[in-house]
Amino acid sequence: MSFYGRFFDENEKLTFRKVLDRVGVFSAVECKAYIESNRQALYHLHSIQQDDGTCVFDKKENERVDIEHQPFIDYIDDVISTQGKSTEGDIRANIKLNCIRDYIVSDILDVYSPDGYGSNNYDDMKVMDILLDDESRNLTMWPSMKWASNWNPKTQEYQKLYMKYLDLHWKLDEQADDYDKNMSVKKFESSNKVKSG
């Protein structure tokens, strides 16, 4: 890594810190929601479209998805079962979630890393920037947005939400042609109602 001190701003949060700040306070329920969101998104991603346009799950592929996700869910459920019995137990339970939070942080930071072919998905980065910059945004729905598709009716609303956030990014970017100085996240949300599931 190189340091560029001439651009240093003590008040600027780098992406790494933004992700850690957001995920570092995830409760057990939020951790489980993120992992489950990813599992459900992959179920739908691997769905098989029928001739009549309906989609059915690929059971064999879903078994593979379950093998990868169930250990996280079981661990989180175990942590949840220990909560609420004592203050010390709650503190220990919160600390035990750090390993799960690390996986979630890694998953989110992957958005900013090149894929196996050396390409970056700049649209994903722009959407994630919106999710990270506005703490009222539900970060646990990111996997559902990331893996959404137009061809699957069960995920179309997440695809629309993804595109809305992408559009919002350009309206908030002062360097973009679509920049709107009167636009804010709040105004955007009130004028673009999208169901999230």
C-alpha atoms as a PDB file:
ATOM      1  CA  MET A   1       0.000   0.000   0.000  1.00  0.00           C
ATOM      2  CA  SER A   2       1.126   3.518  -0.714  1.00  0.00           C
ATOM      3  CA  PHE A   3       0.435   6.549   1.434  1.00  0.00           C
ATOM      4  CA  TYR A   4      -0.693   9.788  -0.156  1.00  0.00           C
ATOM      5  CA  GLY A   5      -0.452  12.373   2.619  1.00  0.00           C
ATOM      6  CA  ARG A   6      -1.466  15.308   0.476  1.00  0.00           C
ATOM      7  CA  PHE A   7      -4.994  13.833   0.356  1.00  0.00           C
ATOM      8  CA  PHE A   8      -5.090  13.064   4.093  1.00  0.00           C
ATOM      9  CA  ASP A   9      -8.216  14.158   5.926  1.00  0.00           C
ATOM     10  CA  GLU A  10      -8.511  13.158   9.571  1.00  0.00           C
ATOM     11  CA  ASN A  11     -12.311  13.170   9.315  1.00  0.00           C
ATOM     12  CA  GLU A  12     -12.504  10.914   6.251  1.00  0.00           C
ATOM     13  CA  LYS A  13     -13.492   7.310   6.848  1.00  0.00           C
ATOM     14  CA  LEU A  14     -11.946   4.846   4.445  1.00  0.00           C
ATOM     15  CA  THR A  15     -14.105   2.009   3.126  1.00  0.00           C
ATOM     16  CA  PHE A  16     -12.475  -0.500   5.465  1.00  0.00           C
ATOM     17  CA  ARG A  17     -13.428   1.579   8.517  1.00  0.00           C
ATOM     18  CA  LYS A  18     -16.969   2.181   7.216  1.00  0.00           C
ATOM     19  CA  VAL A  19     -17.515  -1.564   6.850  1.00  0.00           C
ATOM     20  CA  LEU A  20     -16.016  -2.356  10.256  1.00  0.00           C
ATOM     21  CA  ASP A  21     -18.100   0.352  11.928  1.00  0.00           C
ATOM     22  CA  ARG A  22     -21.322  -0.943  10.404  1.00  0.00           C
ATOM     23  CA  VAL A  23     -20.769  -4.678  10.815  1.00  0.00           C
ATOM     24  CA  GLY A  24     -18.939  -4.449  14.136  1.00  0.00           C
ATOM     25  CA  VAL A  25     -22.214  -3.631  15.889  1.00  0.00           C
ATOM     26  CA  PHE A  26     -24.292  -6.336  14.179  1.00  0.00           C
ATOM     27  CA  SER A  27     -26.376  -8.258  16.681  1.00  0.00           C
ATOM     28  CA  ALA A  28     -26.758 -12.025  16.466  1.00  0.00           C
ATOM     29  CA  VAL A  29     -30.078 -11.516  14.678  1.00  0.00           C
ATOM     30  CA  GLU A  30     -28.483  -9.172  12.110  1.00  0.00           C
ATOM     31  CA  CYS A  31     -25.613 -11.614  11.525  1.00  0.00           C
ATOM     32  CA  LYS A  32     -28.123 -14.409  10.963  1.00  0.00           C
ATOM     33  CA  ALA A  33     -30.207 -12.182   8.669  1.00  0.00           C
ATOM     34  CA  TYR A  34     -27.146 -11.413   6.506  1.00  0.00           C
ATOM     35  CA  ILE A  35     -26.142 -15.091   6.192  1.00  0.00           C
ATOM     36  CA  GLU A  36     -29.752 -16.141   5.546  1.00  0.00           C
ATOM     37  CA  SER A  37     -30.149 -13.360   2.983  1.00  0.00           C
ATOM     38  CA  ASN A  38     -27.151 -14.763   1.127  1.00  0.00           C
ATOM     39  CA  ARG A  39     -28.527 -18.302   1.296  1.00  0.00           C
ATOM     40  CA  GLN A  40     -31.961 -17.267   0.008  1.00  0.00           C
ATOM     41  CA  ALA A  41     -30.376 -15.158  -2.734  1.00  0.00           C
ATOM     42  CA  LEU A  42     -28.345 -18.140  -3.942  1.00  0.00           C
ATOM     43  CA  TYR A  43     -31.422 -20.380  -3.836  1.00  0.00           C
ATOM     44  CA  HIS A  44     -33.107 -17.949  -6.213  1.00  0.00           C
ATOM     45  CA  LEU A  45     -29.991 -17.410  -8.324  1.00  0.00           C
ATOM     46  CA  HIS A  46     -29.803 -21.135  -9.055  1.00  0.00           C
ATOM     47  CA  SER A  47     -33.554 -21.474  -9.675  1.00  0.00           C
ATOM     48  CA  ILE A  48     -34.668 -23.186 -12.835  1.00  0.00           C
ATOM     49  CA  GLN A  49     -37.082 -21.273 -15.025  1.00  0.00           C
ATOM     50  CA  GLN A  50     -39.959 -23.401 -16.285  1.00  0.00           C
ATOM     51  CA  ASP A  51     -41.589 -23.113 -19.720  1.00  0.00           C
ATOM     52  CA  ASP A  52     -44.515 -21.208 -18.191  1.00  0.00           C
ATOM     53  CA  GLY A  53     -42.141 -18.595 -16.708  1.00  0.00           C
ATOM     54  CA  THR A  54     -42.328 -19.827 -13.118  1.00  0.00           C
ATOM     55  CA  CYS A  55     -39.146 -20.617 -11.246  1.00  0.00           C
ATOM     56  CA  VAL A  56     -38.490 -23.682  -9.114  1.00  0.00           C
ATOM     57  CA  PHE A  57     -35.543 -24.320  -6.831  1.00  0.00           C
ATOM     58  CA  ASP A  58     -32.715 -26.569  -7.967  1.00  0.00           C
ATOM     59  CA  LYS A  59     -32.745 -28.987  -5.018  1.00  0.00           C
ATOM     60  CA  LYS A  60     -29.276 -30.398  -5.710  1.00  0.00           C
ATOM     61  CA  GLU A  61     -27.731 -26.934  -5.903  1.00  0.00           C
ATOM     62  CA  ASN A  62     -29.612 -25.858  -2.782  1.00  0.00           C
ATOM     63  CA  GLU A  63     -28.100 -28.767  -0.871  1.00  0.00           C
ATOM     64  CA  ARG A  64     -24.645 -27.418  -1.748  1.00  0.00           C
ATOM     65  CA  VAL A  65     -25.717 -23.920  -0.665  1.00  0.00           C
ATOM     66  CA  ASP A  66     -26.995 -25.347   2.632  1.00  0.00           C
ATOM     67  CA  ILE A  67     -23.710 -27.150   3.284  1.00  0.00           C
ATOM     68  CA  GLU A  68     -21.898 -23.800   3.012  1.00  0.00           C
ATOM     69  CA  HIS A  69     -24.375 -21.736   5.068  1.00  0.00           C
ATOM     70  CA  GLN A  70     -25.760 -24.037   7.771  1.00  0.00           C
ATOM     71  CA  PRO A  71     -22.595 -24.091   9.957  1.00  0.00           C
ATOM     72  CA  PHE A  72     -22.834 -20.287  10.310  1.00  0.00           C
ATOM     73  CA  ILE A  73     -26.560 -20.443  11.123  1.00  0.00           C
ATOM     74  CA  ASP A  74     -26.022 -23.226  13.685  1.00  0.00           C
ATOM     75  CA  TYR A  75     -23.206 -21.281  15.348  1.00  0.00           C
ATOM     76  CA  ILE A  76     -25.306 -18.097  15.535  1.00  0.00           C
ATOM     77  CA  ASP A  77     -28.304 -20.035  16.906  1.00  0.00           C
ATOM     78  CA  ASP A  78     -26.021 -21.473  19.585  1.00  0.00           C
ATOM     79  CA  VAL A  79     -24.867 -17.962  20.511  1.00  0.00           C
ATOM     80  CA  ILE A  80     -28.476 -16.716  20.606  1.00  0.00           C
ATOM     81  CA  SER A  81     -29.410 -19.565  22.966  1.00  0.00           C
ATOM     82  CA  THR A  82     -26.884 -18.286  25.525  1.00  0.00           C
ATOM     83  CA  GLN A  83     -28.088 -14.690  25.479  1.00  0.00           C
ATOM     84  CA  GLY A  84     -30.297 -13.084  28.114  1.00  0.00           C
ATOM     85  CA  LYS A  85     -29.162 -15.216  31.038  1.00  0.00           C
ATOM     86  CA  SER A  86     -26.524 -12.878  32.505  1.00  0.00           C
ATOM     87  CA  THR A  87     -24.623  -9.709  31.669  1.00  0.00           C
ATOM     88  CA  GLU A  88     -21.340 -11.604  31.516  1.00  0.00           C
ATOM     89  CA  GLY A  89     -22.917 -14.226  29.269  1.00  0.00           C
ATOM     90  CA  ASP A  90     -24.234 -11.533  26.936  1.00  0.00           C
ATOM     91  CA  ILE A  91     -20.767  -9.964  26.736  1.00  0.00           C
ATOM     92  CA  ARG A  92     -19.214 -13.362  25.938  1.00  0.00           C
ATOM     93  CA  ALA A  93     -21.936 -14.046  23.356  1.00  0.00           C
ATOM     94  CA  ASN A  94     -21.252 -10.703  21.676  1.00  0.00           C
ATOM     95  CA  ILE A  95     -17.527 -11.471  21.526  1.00  0.00           C
ATOM     96  CA  LYS A  96     -18.263 -14.948  20.100  1.00  0.00           C
ATOM     97  CA  LEU A  97     -20.013 -13.257  17.159  1.00  0.00           C
ATOM     98  CA  ASN A  98     -16.792 -11.532  16.053  1.00  0.00           C
ATOM     99  CA  CYS A  99     -15.802 -14.523  13.900  1.00  0.00           C
ATOM    100  CA  ILE A 100     -19.150 -14.308  12.059  1.00  0.00           C
ATOM    101  CA  ARG A 101     -18.796 -10.541  11.695  1.00  0.00           C
ATOM    102  CA  ASP A 102     -15.345 -11.115  10.164  1.00  0.00           C
ATOM    103  CA  TYR A 103     -16.897 -13.282   7.433  1.00  0.00           C
ATOM    104  CA  ILE A 104     -19.529 -10.628   6.753  1.00  0.00           C
ATOM    105  CA  VAL A 105     -16.891  -7.866   6.631  1.00  0.00           C
ATOM    106  CA  SER A 106     -14.850  -9.965   4.210  1.00  0.00           C
ATOM    107  CA  ASP A 107     -17.906 -10.551   2.013  1.00  0.00           C
ATOM    108  CA  ILE A 108     -18.679  -6.832   1.862  1.00  0.00           C
ATOM    109  CA  LEU A 109     -15.063  -5.825   1.209  1.00  0.00           C
ATOM    110  CA  ASP A 110     -15.005  -8.301  -1.707  1.00  0.00           C
ATOM    111  CA  VAL A 111     -17.288  -5.809  -3.473  1.00  0.00           C
ATOM    112  CA  TYR A 112     -14.273  -3.504  -3.766  1.00  0.00           C
ATOM    113  CA  SER A 113     -11.852  -6.208  -4.938  1.00  0.00           C
ATOM    114  CA  PRO A 114     -11.266  -7.351  -8.513  1.00  0.00           C
ATOM    115  CA  ASP A 115     -12.847 -10.653  -9.492  1.00  0.00           C
ATOM    116  CA  GLY A 116     -10.861 -13.671 -10.709  1.00  0.00           C
ATOM    117  CA  TYR A 117     -10.467 -12.031 -14.121  1.00  0.00           C
ATOM    118  CA  GLY A 118      -9.101  -8.763 -12.736  1.00  0.00           C
ATOM    119  CA  SER A 119     -12.319  -6.820 -13.354  1.00  0.00           C
ATOM    120  CA  ASN A 120     -14.181  -4.648 -10.874  1.00  0.00           C
ATOM    121  CA  ASN A 121     -17.946  -4.363 -10.640  1.00  0.00           C
ATOM    122  CA  TYR A 122     -18.223  -0.611 -10.269  1.00  0.00           C
ATOM    123  CA  ASP A 123     -22.018  -0.750 -10.029  1.00  0.00           C
ATOM    124  CA  ASP A 124     -21.763  -2.983  -6.940  1.00  0.00           C
ATOM    125  CA  MET A 125     -19.285  -0.518  -5.445  1.00  0.00           C
ATOM    126  CA  LYS A 126     -21.601   2.426  -6.006  1.00  0.00           C
ATOM    127  CA  VAL A 127     -24.574   0.628  -4.442  1.00  0.00           C
ATOM    128  CA  MET A 128     -22.459  -0.472  -1.476  1.00  0.00           C
ATOM    129  CA  ASP A 129     -21.240   3.098  -1.009  1.00  0.00           C
ATOM    130  CA  ILE A 130     -24.879   4.182  -0.606  1.00  0.00           C
ATOM    131  CA  LEU A 131     -25.553   1.376   1.884  1.00  0.00           C
ATOM    132  CA  LEU A 132     -22.454   2.198   3.932  1.00  0.00           C
ATOM    133  CA  ASP A 133     -22.789   5.978   3.921  1.00  0.00           C
ATOM    134  CA  ASP A 134     -26.363   6.006   5.165  1.00  0.00           C
ATOM    135  CA  GLU A 135     -26.603   4.107   8.444  1.00  0.00           C
ATOM    136  CA  SER A 136     -30.379   3.861   8.159  1.00  0.00           C
ATOM    137  CA  ARG A 137     -29.945   1.481   5.192  1.00  0.00           C
ATOM    138  CA  ASN A 138     -30.400  -2.210   5.911  1.00  0.00           C
ATOM    139  CA  LEU A 139     -27.039  -3.773   5.139  1.00  0.00           C
ATOM    140  CA  THR A 140     -28.355  -7.315   5.721  1.00  0.00           C
ATOM    141  CA  MET A 141     -30.262  -7.201   2.435  1.00  0.00           C
ATOM    142  CA  TRP A 142     -27.082  -6.672   0.383  1.00  0.00           C
ATOM    143  CA  PRO A 143     -26.733 -10.331  -0.709  1.00  0.00           C
ATOM    144  CA  SER A 144     -30.336 -10.337  -1.935  1.00  0.00           C
ATOM    145  CA  MET A 145     -29.675  -7.186  -3.958  1.00  0.00           C
ATOM    146  CA  LYS A 146     -26.335  -8.422  -5.269  1.00  0.00           C
ATOM    147  CA  TRP A 147     -27.665 -11.738  -6.598  1.00  0.00           C
ATOM    148  CA  ALA A 148     -31.073 -10.470  -7.785  1.00  0.00           C
ATOM    149  CA  SER A 149     -32.123 -10.917 -11.390  1.00  0.00           C
ATOM    150  CA  ASN A 150     -34.862  -9.673 -13.674  1.00  0.00           C
ATOM    151  CA  TRP A 151     -35.826 -13.122 -14.950  1.00  0.00           C
ATOM    152  CA  ASN A 152     -36.790 -14.419 -11.499  1.00  0.00           C
ATOM    153  CA  PRO A 153     -40.072 -12.860 -10.302  1.00  0.00           C
ATOM    154  CA  LYS A 154     -39.103 -13.558  -6.662  1.00  0.00           C
ATOM    155  CA  THR A 155     -36.057 -11.277  -6.888  1.00  0.00           C
ATOM    156  CA  GLN A 156     -37.235  -8.556  -9.267  1.00  0.00           C
ATOM    157  CA  GLU A 157     -37.974  -6.116  -6.431  1.00  0.00           C
ATOM    158  CA  TYR A 158     -34.421  -6.473  -5.121  1.00  0.00           C
ATOM    159  CA  GLN A 159     -33.137  -5.863  -8.653  1.00  0.00           C
ATOM    160  CA  LYS A 160     -35.251  -2.700  -8.838  1.00  0.00           C
ATOM    161  CA  LEU A 161     -33.905  -1.558  -5.472  1.00  0.00           C
ATOM    162  CA  TYR A 162     -30.331  -2.169  -6.665  1.00  0.00           C
ATOM    163  CA  MET A 163     -30.968  -0.058  -9.762  1.00  0.00           C
ATOM    164  CA  LYS A 164     -32.595   2.699  -7.672  1.00  0.00           C
ATOM    165  CA  TYR A 165     -29.534   2.918  -5.422  1.00  0.00           C
ATOM    166  CA  LEU A 166     -27.280   2.957  -8.457  1.00  0.00           C
ATOM    167  CA  ASP A 167     -29.316   5.831  -9.876  1.00  0.00           C
ATOM    168  CA  LEU A 168     -29.151   7.621  -6.518  1.00  0.00           C
ATOM    169  CA  HIS A 169     -25.355   7.348  -6.487  1.00  0.00           C
ATOM    170  CA  TRP A 170     -25.120   9.294  -9.756  1.00  0.00           C
ATOM    171  CA  LYS A 171     -27.520  11.952  -8.499  1.00  0.00           C
ATOM    172  CA  LEU A 172     -25.375  12.484  -5.386  1.00  0.00           C
ATOM    173  CA  ASP A 173     -21.997  12.433  -7.183  1.00  0.00           C
ATOM    174  CA  GLU A 174     -20.924  16.019  -7.887  1.00  0.00           C
ATOM    175  CA  GLN A 175     -18.703  14.841 -10.748  1.00  0.00           C
ATOM    176  CA  ALA A 176     -21.505  12.968 -12.543  1.00  0.00           C
ATOM    177  CA  ASP A 177     -23.614  14.265 -15.430  1.00  0.00           C
ATOM    178  CA  ASP A 178     -26.782  13.291 -13.524  1.00  0.00           C
ATOM    179  CA  TYR A 179     -25.779  15.242 -10.384  1.00  0.00           C
ATOM    180  CA  ASP A 180     -28.726  16.913  -8.663  1.00  0.00           C
ATOM    181  CA  LYS A 181     -27.721  19.392  -5.942  1.00  0.00           C
ATOM    182  CA  ASN A 182     -31.249  19.261  -4.513  1.00  0.00           C
ATOM    183  CA  MET A 183     -31.218  15.475  -4.134  1.00  0.00           C
ATOM    184  CA  SER A 184     -30.713  13.733  -0.807  1.00  0.00           C
ATOM    185  CA  VAL A 185     -31.133  10.143   0.320  1.00  0.00           C
ATOM    186  CA  LYS A 186     -34.304  11.100   2.207  1.00  0.00           C
ATOM    187  CA  LYS A 187     -35.871  12.821  -0.828  1.00  0.00           C
ATOM    188  CA  PHE A 188     -34.886   9.933  -3.037  1.00  0.00           C
ATOM    189  CA  GLU A 189     -36.426   7.365  -0.681  1.00  0.00           C
ATOM    190  CA  SER A 190     -39.711   9.255  -0.401  1.00  0.00           C
ATOM    191  CA  SER A 191     -40.098   9.522  -4.169  1.00  0.00           C
ATOM    192  CA  ASN A 192     -38.928   5.985  -5.017  1.00  0.00           C
ATOM    193  CA  LYS A 193     -40.856   3.482  -2.938  1.00  0.00           C
ATOM    194  CA  VAL A 194     -39.637  -0.048  -3.614  1.00  0.00           C
ATOM    195  CA  LYS A 195     -40.731  -3.171  -1.800  1.00  0.00           C
ATOM    196  CA  SER A 196     -37.806  -5.061  -0.243  1.00  0.00           C
ATOM    197  CA  GLY A 197     -38.978  -8.630  -0.492  1.00  0.00           C
END
